[in-house]
């Protein structure tokens, strides 16, 4: 599990040094190979191999004849770079991803449970300021009971509630 926030910098060769505590987690979990991809909100996703495989399976369930799926696949897969930390825990960040994420020297690496995200410090601060007020609201459905989720669906016209006598 990847958690926490770590500030780091891009060096002269456009590499970040992954902090020791995150490298220790990588080693514990056997996460040596990573897939770096265009994220959301001008972030860069970093997925370990097993998570990457699961994402590929999910995305490939959609036909390339579905234009929205195809558009997503084009942006997403075209951005992907396979990386491995070197002996000093450094990872190179490709130019196209640095440009997308608006990265300069100061960056932030955050743990998001099963993956990592890399942000420019300014974009991470702006994201927190913009989305921070929604934190409580976004948490509610994640912690809701099954009954509460069913009631919310019914209120939104989402169909039968669990346990309903209707067939």
Foldseek 3Di string as FASTA:
>chain_A
DFADKDKFWQDPQQKTADDPVVVVVCVVVVQFKWKWWQDPLLKIWIAGPVVVVVVVVVLVVDDCVPVVSVVVCCRTVVGIDMWGQDPRRMTHDDPVSCVSQVADTMWMWGTDPRIIMIHHPVSVVVCCVVCVVCVVVVCVVVPDDLQVVQVVCVVVVNDDGPPDPDD
